[in-house]
Amino acid sequence: MKRILLITVLMAAGLLQSTAQKTSYGITGGISKGSVRISGFDNRFTGIVQGDNIFGIEGGFFAKIKVNPFYVKPAAMILYKNGTVDVFNTEGEAHSQSNFKMSKLEVPLLFGINVIGPVDAEIGPVYDYVLGVTNEFNGYTTDVPRNGLGYRAGVNVELGRLALGISYQAITNRSGSQGTFDSPDELILGAAFTFASKPGMAPYGR
């Protein structure tokens, strides 16, 4: 995973250097809803912890690099999640509930194309690093892996400097010694605002 991340960063750095005159910058944020699943923890308990309606909110910065007819959009965001999870036993029965909270850094690197008019479509890898997470569920202790990798795909509509979008994201944090944390089906409603762009570009870098 580290090798993939290094290659991705080097490619992004090369594109940034060669296309700096075609780059716009701004802030981005969104709200999300999805499920979480933790498994492979605590040798006293072989069940899982799972929650289905976990609310999230994210915010950060992005750059959009135009490489006609495509674009590359790296970003860095802080995500906070909160909700209620069920603790399941080995028979698949939920025997208790617990509160769940998480904060993490997300670094998506999206590759996109203008589909028609103001509509863009994009997809790419996402790296995440867990900053903080609930680690005890009714007496059972977890050790969630810090590093994760997944993907994000979505569409955006550009309205001048403002862009609105909807995305689907799936990320897995896995470690043989720490178990597995999955966010397999996160739906994100987002917005972005461009506050800097080079001459000759559309406000949002289209």
C-alpha atoms as a PDB file:
ATOM      1  CA  MET A   1       0.000   0.000   0.000  1.00  0.00           C
ATOM      2  CA  LYS A   2       2.900   2.368   0.795  1.00  0.00           C
ATOM      3  CA  ARG A   3       4.372   1.734  -2.674  1.00  0.00           C
ATOM      4  CA  ILE A   4       1.049   2.532  -4.356  1.00  0.00           C
ATOM      5  CA  LEU A   5       0.723   5.709  -2.307  1.00  0.00           C
ATOM      6  CA  LEU A   6       4.286   6.794  -3.165  1.00  0.00           C
ATOM      7  CA  ILE A   7       3.713   6.273  -6.900  1.00  0.00           C
ATOM      8  CA  THR A   8       0.449   8.208  -6.707  1.00  0.00           C
ATOM      9  CA  VAL A   9       2.111  11.134  -4.898  1.00  0.00           C
ATOM     10  CA  LEU A  10       4.997  11.254  -7.401  1.00  0.00           C
ATOM     11  CA  MET A  11       2.582  11.250 -10.350  1.00  0.00           C
ATOM     12  CA  ALA A  12       0.557  14.042  -8.766  1.00  0.00           C
ATOM     13  CA  ALA A  13       3.713  16.073  -8.080  1.00  0.00           C
ATOM     14  CA  GLY A  14       4.805  15.735 -11.714  1.00  0.00           C
ATOM     15  CA  LEU A  15       1.424  16.852 -12.970  1.00  0.00           C
ATOM     16  CA  LEU A  16       1.390  19.800 -10.576  1.00  0.00           C
ATOM     17  CA  GLN A  17       4.781  20.973 -11.801  1.00  0.00           C
ATOM     18  CA  SER A  18       4.006  20.647 -15.512  1.00  0.00           C
ATOM     19  CA  THR A  19       0.506  22.149 -15.370  1.00  0.00           C
ATOM     20  CA  ALA A  20       0.781  24.781 -12.638  1.00  0.00           C
ATOM     21  CA  GLN A  21      -0.549  27.416 -15.053  1.00  0.00           C
ATOM     22  CA  LYS A  22      -3.791  25.411 -15.404  1.00  0.00           C
ATOM     23  CA  THR A  23      -4.570  24.891 -11.723  1.00  0.00           C
ATOM     24  CA  SER A  24      -7.382  26.237  -9.566  1.00  0.00           C
ATOM     25  CA  TYR A  25      -7.741  25.973  -5.788  1.00  0.00           C
ATOM     26  CA  GLY A  26     -10.526  26.045  -3.247  1.00  0.00           C
ATOM     27  CA  ILE A  27     -12.293  24.628  -0.217  1.00  0.00           C
ATOM     28  CA  THR A  28     -14.522  21.583  -0.156  1.00  0.00           C
ATOM     29  CA  GLY A  29     -16.896  19.964   2.326  1.00  0.00           C
ATOM     30  CA  GLY A  30     -19.749  17.523   2.607  1.00  0.00           C
ATOM     31  CA  ILE A  31     -22.024  15.336   4.669  1.00  0.00           C
ATOM     32  CA  SER A  32     -22.172  11.560   4.438  1.00  0.00           C
ATOM     33  CA  LYS A  33     -24.092   8.511   5.554  1.00  0.00           C
ATOM     34  CA  GLY A  34     -23.001   4.885   5.475  1.00  0.00           C
ATOM     35  CA  SER A  35     -22.103   1.779   7.432  1.00  0.00           C
ATOM     36  CA  VAL A  36     -19.029   0.726   9.396  1.00  0.00           C
ATOM     37  CA  ARG A  37     -17.792  -2.747  10.332  1.00  0.00           C
ATOM     38  CA  ILE A  38     -15.016  -3.795  12.726  1.00  0.00           C
ATOM     39  CA  SER A  39     -13.853  -7.409  12.892  1.00  0.00           C
ATOM     40  CA  GLY A  40     -10.901  -9.513  14.033  1.00  0.00           C
ATOM     41  CA  PHE A  41     -10.365  -7.921  17.450  1.00  0.00           C
ATOM     42  CA  ASP A  42     -10.083  -9.007  21.096  1.00  0.00           C
ATOM     43  CA  ASN A  43      -9.196 -12.683  21.487  1.00  0.00           C
ATOM     44  CA  ARG A  44     -12.011 -12.997  24.057  1.00  0.00           C
ATOM     45  CA  PHE A  45     -14.622 -12.170  21.421  1.00  0.00           C
ATOM     46  CA  THR A  46     -14.876 -13.427  17.845  1.00  0.00           C
ATOM     47  CA  GLY A  47     -17.949 -11.482  16.740  1.00  0.00           C
ATOM     48  CA  ILE A  48     -18.141  -8.156  14.921  1.00  0.00           C
ATOM     49  CA  VAL A  49     -19.185  -4.550  15.554  1.00  0.00           C
ATOM     50  CA  GLN A  50     -21.382  -2.995  12.883  1.00  0.00           C
ATOM     51  CA  GLY A  51     -23.403   0.179  12.376  1.00  0.00           C
ATOM     52  CA  ASP A  52     -25.582   1.085   9.395  1.00  0.00           C
ATOM     53  CA  ASN A  53     -26.588   4.726   9.691  1.00  0.00           C
ATOM     54  CA  ILE A  54     -23.347   6.440  10.632  1.00  0.00           C
ATOM     55  CA  PHE A  55     -23.404  10.195   9.972  1.00  0.00           C
ATOM     56  CA  GLY A  56     -20.269  11.981   8.776  1.00  0.00           C
ATOM     57  CA  ILE A  57     -19.110  15.497   8.007  1.00  0.00           C
ATOM     58  CA  GLU A  58     -15.924  16.430   6.122  1.00  0.00           C
ATOM     59  CA  GLY A  59     -14.067  19.569   5.139  1.00  0.00           C
ATOM     60  CA  GLY A  60     -10.746  20.571   3.607  1.00  0.00           C
ATOM     61  CA  PHE A  61      -8.914  21.925   0.569  1.00  0.00           C
ATOM     62  CA  PHE A  62      -8.557  20.845  -3.058  1.00  0.00           C
ATOM     63  CA  ALA A  63      -6.650  21.675  -6.227  1.00  0.00           C
ATOM     64  CA  LYS A  64      -7.923  21.035  -9.733  1.00  0.00           C
ATOM     65  CA  ILE A  65      -5.349  20.535 -12.468  1.00  0.00           C
ATOM     66  CA  LYS A  66      -6.587  20.808 -16.044  1.00  0.00           C
ATOM     67  CA  VAL A  67      -5.062  18.369 -18.568  1.00  0.00           C
ATOM     68  CA  ASN A  68      -7.474  18.559 -21.519  1.00  0.00           C
ATOM     69  CA  PRO A  69      -9.857  16.844 -21.879  1.00  0.00           C
ATOM     70  CA  PHE A  70      -9.302  15.514 -18.363  1.00  0.00           C
ATOM     71  CA  TYR A  71      -8.459  16.912 -14.948  1.00  0.00           C
ATOM     72  CA  VAL A  72      -6.750  15.707 -11.779  1.00  0.00           C
ATOM     73  CA  LYS A  73      -8.122  16.784  -8.396  1.00  0.00           C
ATOM     74  CA  PRO A  74      -6.090  16.043  -5.254  1.00  0.00           C
ATOM     75  CA  ALA A  75      -7.580  17.021  -1.900  1.00  0.00           C
ATOM     76  CA  ALA A  76      -6.917  16.805   1.835  1.00  0.00           C
ATOM     77  CA  MET A  77      -9.861  16.644   4.247  1.00  0.00           C
ATOM     78  CA  ILE A  78     -10.716  15.925   7.863  1.00  0.00           C
ATOM     79  CA  LEU A  79     -13.701  13.600   8.348  1.00  0.00           C
ATOM     80  CA  TYR A  80     -15.703  13.152  11.550  1.00  0.00           C
ATOM     81  CA  LYS A  81     -18.178  10.255  12.003  1.00  0.00           C
ATOM     82  CA  ASN A  82     -20.698   9.590  14.731  1.00  0.00           C
ATOM     83  CA  GLY A  83     -23.435   7.019  15.327  1.00  0.00           C
ATOM     84  CA  THR A  84     -24.617   3.869  17.092  1.00  0.00           C
ATOM     85  CA  VAL A  85     -23.227   0.384  16.399  1.00  0.00           C
ATOM     86  CA  ASP A  86     -24.406  -3.130  17.277  1.00  0.00           C
ATOM     87  CA  VAL A  87     -22.119  -5.722  18.858  1.00  0.00           C
ATOM     88  CA  PHE A  88     -22.765  -9.153  17.290  1.00  0.00           C
ATOM     89  CA  ASN A  89     -21.794 -12.545  18.699  1.00  0.00           C
ATOM     90  CA  THR A  90     -20.509 -15.535  16.705  1.00  0.00           C
ATOM     91  CA  GLU A  91     -24.095 -16.633  15.945  1.00  0.00           C
ATOM     92  CA  GLY A  92     -24.787 -13.315  14.234  1.00  0.00           C
ATOM     93  CA  GLU A  93     -27.031 -12.003  17.007  1.00  0.00           C
ATOM     94  CA  ALA A  94     -26.789  -8.388  18.169  1.00  0.00           C
ATOM     95  CA  HIS A  95     -26.548  -8.578  21.970  1.00  0.00           C
ATOM     96  CA  SER A  96     -25.711  -4.940  22.780  1.00  0.00           C
ATOM     97  CA  GLN A  97     -25.331  -1.435  21.354  1.00  0.00           C
ATOM     98  CA  SER A  98     -22.618   1.175  21.765  1.00  0.00           C
ATOM     99  CA  ASN A  99     -21.756   4.697  20.646  1.00  0.00           C
ATOM    100  CA  PHE A 100     -19.212   5.121  17.847  1.00  0.00           C
ATOM    101  CA  LYS A 101     -17.043   8.136  17.000  1.00  0.00           C
ATOM    102  CA  MET A 102     -14.192   8.536  14.528  1.00  0.00           C
ATOM    103  CA  SER A 103     -12.011  11.287  13.093  1.00  0.00           C
ATOM    104  CA  LYS A 104      -9.559  10.769  10.238  1.00  0.00           C
ATOM    105  CA  LEU A 105      -7.544  12.443   7.516  1.00  0.00           C
ATOM    106  CA  GLU A 106      -8.607  11.589   3.962  1.00  0.00           C
ATOM    107  CA  VAL A 107      -6.485  12.235   0.861  1.00  0.00           C
ATOM    108  CA  PRO A 108      -8.398  11.494  -2.370  1.00  0.00           C
ATOM    109  CA  LEU A 109      -6.706  11.769  -5.765  1.00  0.00           C
ATOM    110  CA  LEU A 110      -9.510  11.966  -8.325  1.00  0.00           C
ATOM    111  CA  PHE A 111      -9.272  11.772 -12.110  1.00  0.00           C
ATOM    112  CA  GLY A 112     -12.164  13.362 -13.989  1.00  0.00           C
ATOM    113  CA  ILE A 113     -13.604  14.416 -17.304  1.00  0.00           C
ATOM    114  CA  ASN A 114     -16.230  16.916 -18.384  1.00  0.00           C
ATOM    115  CA  VAL A 115     -19.265  14.892 -19.491  1.00  0.00           C
ATOM    116  CA  ILE A 116     -21.541  17.587 -20.848  1.00  0.00           C
ATOM    117  CA  GLY A 117     -22.078  21.269 -20.055  1.00  0.00           C
ATOM    118  CA  PRO A 118     -21.434  21.856 -16.333  1.00  0.00           C
ATOM    119  CA  VAL A 119     -21.385  18.118 -15.455  1.00  0.00           C
ATOM    120  CA  ASP A 120     -18.122  16.353 -14.542  1.00  0.00           C
ATOM    121  CA  ALA A 121     -17.540  12.696 -13.652  1.00  0.00           C
ATOM    122  CA  GLU A 122     -14.583  11.573 -11.536  1.00  0.00           C
ATOM    123  CA  ILE A 123     -13.047   8.533  -9.842  1.00  0.00           C
ATOM    124  CA  GLY A 124      -9.828   7.762  -8.017  1.00  0.00           C
ATOM    125  CA  PRO A 125      -8.036   6.264  -4.993  1.00  0.00           C
ATOM    126  CA  VAL A 126      -8.414   7.539  -1.440  1.00  0.00           C
ATOM    127  CA  TYR A 127      -5.847   7.160   1.356  1.00  0.00           C
ATOM    128  CA  ASP A 128      -6.984   7.646   4.943  1.00  0.00           C
ATOM    129  CA  TYR A 129      -5.279   7.895   8.322  1.00  0.00           C
ATOM    130  CA  VAL A 130      -7.304   7.406  11.516  1.00  0.00           C
ATOM    131  CA  LEU A 131      -6.732  10.259  13.956  1.00  0.00           C
ATOM    132  CA  GLY A 132      -9.052   8.991  16.667  1.00  0.00           C
ATOM    133  CA  VAL A 133     -11.688   6.277  17.059  1.00  0.00           C
ATOM    134  CA  THR A 134     -13.828   4.608  19.728  1.00  0.00           C
ATOM    135  CA  ASN A 135     -11.782   1.621  20.914  1.00  0.00           C
ATOM    136  CA  GLU A 136     -14.037  -0.012  23.491  1.00  0.00           C
ATOM    137  CA  PHE A 137     -17.490  -1.482  22.953  1.00  0.00           C
ATOM    138  CA  ASN A 138     -19.181  -2.696  26.134  1.00  0.00           C
ATOM    139  CA  GLY A 139     -15.993  -4.164  27.553  1.00  0.00           C
ATOM    140  CA  TYR A 140     -14.463  -5.409  24.285  1.00  0.00           C
ATOM    141  CA  THR A 141     -11.351  -3.530  23.207  1.00  0.00           C
ATOM    142  CA  THR A 142     -10.520  -2.857  19.556  1.00  0.00           C
ATOM    143  CA  ASP A 143      -7.292  -1.807  17.860  1.00  0.00           C
ATOM    144  CA  VAL A 144      -8.329  -0.258  14.536  1.00  0.00           C
ATOM    145  CA  PRO A 145      -5.539  -0.020  11.899  1.00  0.00           C
ATOM    146  CA  ARG A 146      -4.529   3.582  11.272  1.00  0.00           C
ATOM    147  CA  ASN A 147      -3.859   3.372   7.523  1.00  0.00           C
ATOM    148  CA  GLY A 148      -6.518   2.590   4.925  1.00  0.00           C
ATOM    149  CA  LEU A 149      -7.023   2.625   1.186  1.00  0.00           C
ATOM    150  CA  GLY A 150     -10.128   2.726  -0.997  1.00  0.00           C
ATOM    151  CA  TYR A 151     -11.794   4.637  -3.820  1.00  0.00           C
ATOM    152  CA  ARG A 152     -14.266   7.439  -4.474  1.00  0.00           C
ATOM    153  CA  ALA A 153     -16.449   7.971  -7.550  1.00  0.00           C
ATOM    154  CA  GLY A 154     -18.998  10.665  -8.288  1.00  0.00           C
ATOM    155  CA  VAL A 155     -20.411  13.460 -10.411  1.00  0.00           C
ATOM    156  CA  ASN A 156     -20.290  17.241  -9.952  1.00  0.00           C
ATOM    157  CA  VAL A 157     -22.278  20.141 -11.370  1.00  0.00           C
ATOM    158  CA  GLU A 158     -20.349  23.416 -11.672  1.00  0.00           C
ATOM    159  CA  LEU A 159     -22.315  26.634 -11.068  1.00  0.00           C
ATOM    160  CA  GLY A 160     -19.741  29.383 -11.465  1.00  0.00           C
ATOM    161  CA  ARG A 161     -17.340  29.242  -8.540  1.00  0.00           C
ATOM    162  CA  LEU A 162     -19.625  26.820  -6.688  1.00  0.00           C
ATOM    163  CA  ALA A 163     -19.789  23.093  -7.456  1.00  0.00           C
ATOM    164  CA  LEU A 164     -22.270  20.586  -6.034  1.00  0.00           C
ATOM    165  CA  GLY A 165     -21.754  16.846  -6.205  1.00  0.00           C
ATOM    166  CA  ILE A 166     -22.643  13.361  -5.043  1.00  0.00           C
ATOM    167  CA  SER A 167     -20.072  10.615  -4.505  1.00  0.00           C
ATOM    168  CA  TYR A 168     -19.806   6.987  -3.409  1.00  0.00           C
ATOM    169  CA  GLN A 169     -16.821   5.912  -1.317  1.00  0.00           C
ATOM    170  CA  ALA A 170     -15.499   2.605   0.053  1.00  0.00           C
ATOM    171  CA  ILE A 171     -12.401   2.312   2.290  1.00  0.00           C
ATOM    172  CA  THR A 172     -10.784  -0.578   4.181  1.00  0.00           C
ATOM    173  CA  ASN A 173      -8.234  -0.325   7.001  1.00  0.00           C
ATOM    174  CA  ARG A 174      -6.669  -3.781   7.375  1.00  0.00           C
ATOM    175  CA  SER A 175      -3.874  -5.243   9.494  1.00  0.00           C
ATOM    176  CA  GLY A 176      -3.228  -8.865  10.402  1.00  0.00           C
ATOM    177  CA  SER A 177      -2.400  -7.975  13.999  1.00  0.00           C
ATOM    178  CA  GLN A 178      -5.086  -5.307  14.497  1.00  0.00           C
ATOM    179  CA  GLY A 179      -8.127  -6.637  12.665  1.00  0.00           C
ATOM    180  CA  THR A 180     -10.133  -4.884   9.945  1.00  0.00           C
ATOM    181  CA  PHE A 181     -12.164  -1.700   9.765  1.00  0.00           C
ATOM    182  CA  ASP A 182     -14.485  -1.246   6.767  1.00  0.00           C
ATOM    183  CA  SER A 183     -16.479   1.740   5.516  1.00  0.00           C
ATOM    184  CA  PRO A 184     -17.956  -0.084   2.499  1.00  0.00           C
ATOM    185  CA  ASP A 185     -20.815   2.101   1.299  1.00  0.00           C
ATOM    186  CA  GLU A 186     -20.495   5.778   2.152  1.00  0.00           C
ATOM    187  CA  LEU A 187     -22.743   8.179   0.213  1.00  0.00           C
ATOM    188  CA  ILE A 188     -21.429  11.759   0.225  1.00  0.00           C
ATOM    189  CA  LEU A 189     -23.221  14.990  -0.686  1.00  0.00           C
ATOM    190  CA  GLY A 190     -20.551  17.604  -1.239  1.00  0.00           C
ATOM    191  CA  ALA A 191     -19.879  21.189  -2.254  1.00  0.00           C
ATOM    192  CA  ALA A 192     -16.744  23.033  -3.348  1.00  0.00           C
ATOM    193  CA  PHE A 193     -15.916  26.693  -3.767  1.00  0.00           C
ATOM    194  CA  THR A 194     -13.039  27.995  -5.880  1.00  0.00           C
ATOM    195  CA  PHE A 195     -11.272  31.077  -4.567  1.00  0.00           C
ATOM    196  CA  ALA A 196      -8.205  31.084  -6.861  1.00  0.00           C
ATOM    197  CA  SER A 197      -7.701  30.159 -10.511  1.00  0.00           C
ATOM    198  CA  LYS A 198      -5.243  31.005 -13.273  1.00  0.00           C
ATOM    199  CA  PRO A 199      -6.209  33.393 -16.123  1.00  0.00           C
ATOM    200  CA  GLY A 200      -8.098  31.842 -18.989  1.00  0.00           C
ATOM    201  CA  MET A 201      -9.784  29.132 -16.927  1.00  0.00           C
ATOM    202  CA  ALA A 202     -13.396  28.682 -15.919  1.00  0.00           C
ATOM    203  CA  PRO A 203     -13.954  29.661 -12.250  1.00  0.00           C
ATOM    204  CA  TYR A 204     -13.844  26.036 -11.090  1.00  0.00           C
ATOM    205  CA  GLY A 205     -11.161  24.989 -13.587  1.00  0.00           C
ATOM    206  CA  ARG A 206     -13.377  23.297 -16.181  1.00  0.00           C
END
